[in-house]
Amino acid sequence: MFTIEHDFDATVVTLMDEGQSPLQEDITVNAFEECVTVEQYDPRTDQLQKITFSMAQVRDMAAALNLPEGIYSLTPADGSTTPKA
């Protein structure tokens, strides 16, 4: 299950784990104009963990989800992938 909220400066997607135990903590994705952050509460440390992606890293991650194992580079003009040796 997930929610989508449009805030003043970001789109916020919250992903809630469902199904069989053990369940993971919710993940919050904040999409800003210049970056995307991913946050998850860590109960072991009692802290919120945050990762920040540049927009180029988000683009690369989206492309990587549908590719086989390997090393790639995206071509900026058309977004196509080029395998690297």
Protein backbone atom coordinates (compact mmCIF):
# COMPACT_ATOMS: atom_id res chain seq x y z
CA MET A 1 0.00 0.00 0.00
CA PHE A 2 1.20 3.54 -0.64
CA THR A 3 0.06 7.13 -0.39
CA ILE A 4 0.83 10.14 -2.59
CA GLU A 5 0.69 13.73 -1.32
CA HIS A 6 1.52 16.92 -3.18
CA ASP A 7 3.12 19.43 -0.83
CA PHE A 8 4.18 22.99 -1.56
CA ASP A 9 7.71 22.06 -2.66
CA ALA A 10 7.66 18.25 -3.10
CA THR A 11 5.66 15.20 -4.00
CA VAL A 12 5.71 12.75 -1.08
CA VAL A 13 5.16 9.03 -1.60
CA THR A 14 4.94 6.79 1.47
CA LEU A 15 5.34 3.03 0.99
CA MET A 16 3.87 0.81 3.70
CA ASP A 17 5.01 -2.80 4.01
CA GLU A 18 2.18 -5.33 3.91
CA GLY A 19 1.97 -9.07 4.14
CA GLN A 20 3.69 -11.59 6.30
CA SER A 21 5.89 -10.70 9.25
CA PRO A 22 8.48 -9.43 9.76
CA LEU A 23 7.37 -6.14 8.23
CA GLN A 24 9.74 -3.28 7.51
CA GLU A 25 9.22 0.33 8.58
CA ASP A 26 7.47 2.73 6.16
CA ILE A 27 9.62 4.30 3.44
CA THR A 28 9.04 7.93 2.52
CA VAL A 29 10.15 9.24 -0.87
CA ASN A 30 10.31 13.04 -1.21
CA ALA A 31 10.61 14.23 -4.83
CA PHE A 32 11.89 17.80 -5.01
CA GLU A 33 12.80 19.77 -8.14
CA GLU A 34 16.55 19.25 -7.63
CA CYS A 35 16.76 15.90 -5.79
CA VAL A 36 14.89 12.93 -4.35
CA THR A 37 15.26 11.77 -0.76
CA VAL A 38 14.39 8.34 0.63
CA GLU A 39 13.78 8.06 4.39
CA GLN A 40 13.14 5.14 6.72
CA TYR A 41 13.01 4.96 10.50
CA ASP A 42 15.57 2.56 12.01
CA PRO A 43 14.20 1.17 15.30
CA ARG A 44 17.62 -0.28 16.23
CA THR A 45 19.20 3.20 16.39
CA ASP A 46 15.96 5.14 16.98
CA GLN A 47 16.94 7.44 14.09
CA LEU A 48 15.55 8.37 10.71
CA GLN A 49 17.92 7.25 7.94
CA LYS A 50 18.00 9.43 4.82
CA ILE A 51 19.53 8.95 1.35
CA THR A 52 19.62 11.77 -1.21
CA PHE A 53 19.64 11.07 -4.97
CA SER A 54 20.51 13.65 -7.62
CA MET A 55 18.09 13.76 -10.52
CA ALA A 56 20.73 12.00 -12.68
CA GLN A 57 20.92 9.17 -10.11
CA VAL A 58 17.11 8.86 -10.12
CA ARG A 59 17.15 8.63 -13.93
CA ASP A 60 19.87 5.95 -13.79
CA MET A 61 17.99 3.99 -11.10
CA ALA A 62 14.79 4.01 -13.15
CA ALA A 63 16.68 2.72 -16.19
CA ALA A 64 18.54 0.09 -14.15
CA LEU A 65 15.36 -1.53 -12.85
CA ASN A 66 14.64 -3.01 -16.30
CA LEU A 67 18.14 -3.99 -17.44
CA PRO A 68 20.18 -7.18 -17.04
CA GLU A 69 23.40 -7.33 -15.03
CA GLY A 70 26.17 -5.13 -16.46
CA ILE A 71 27.69 -1.64 -16.54
CA TYR A 72 25.78 1.01 -18.50
CA SER A 73 25.78 4.69 -19.37
CA LEU A 74 22.67 6.62 -20.38
CA THR A 75 22.82 8.76 -23.52
CA PRO A 76 21.52 12.20 -22.50
CA ALA A 77 19.91 13.01 -25.86
CA ASP A 78 17.45 10.14 -25.99
CA GLY A 79 17.83 8.34 -22.65
CA SER A 80 18.97 5.12 -24.31
CA THR A 81 21.48 2.87 -22.59
CA THR A 82 24.94 2.01 -23.81
CA PRO A 83 26.68 -1.04 -22.29
CA LYS A 84 30.21 -0.37 -21.04
CA ALA A 85 33.00 -2.92 -21.47
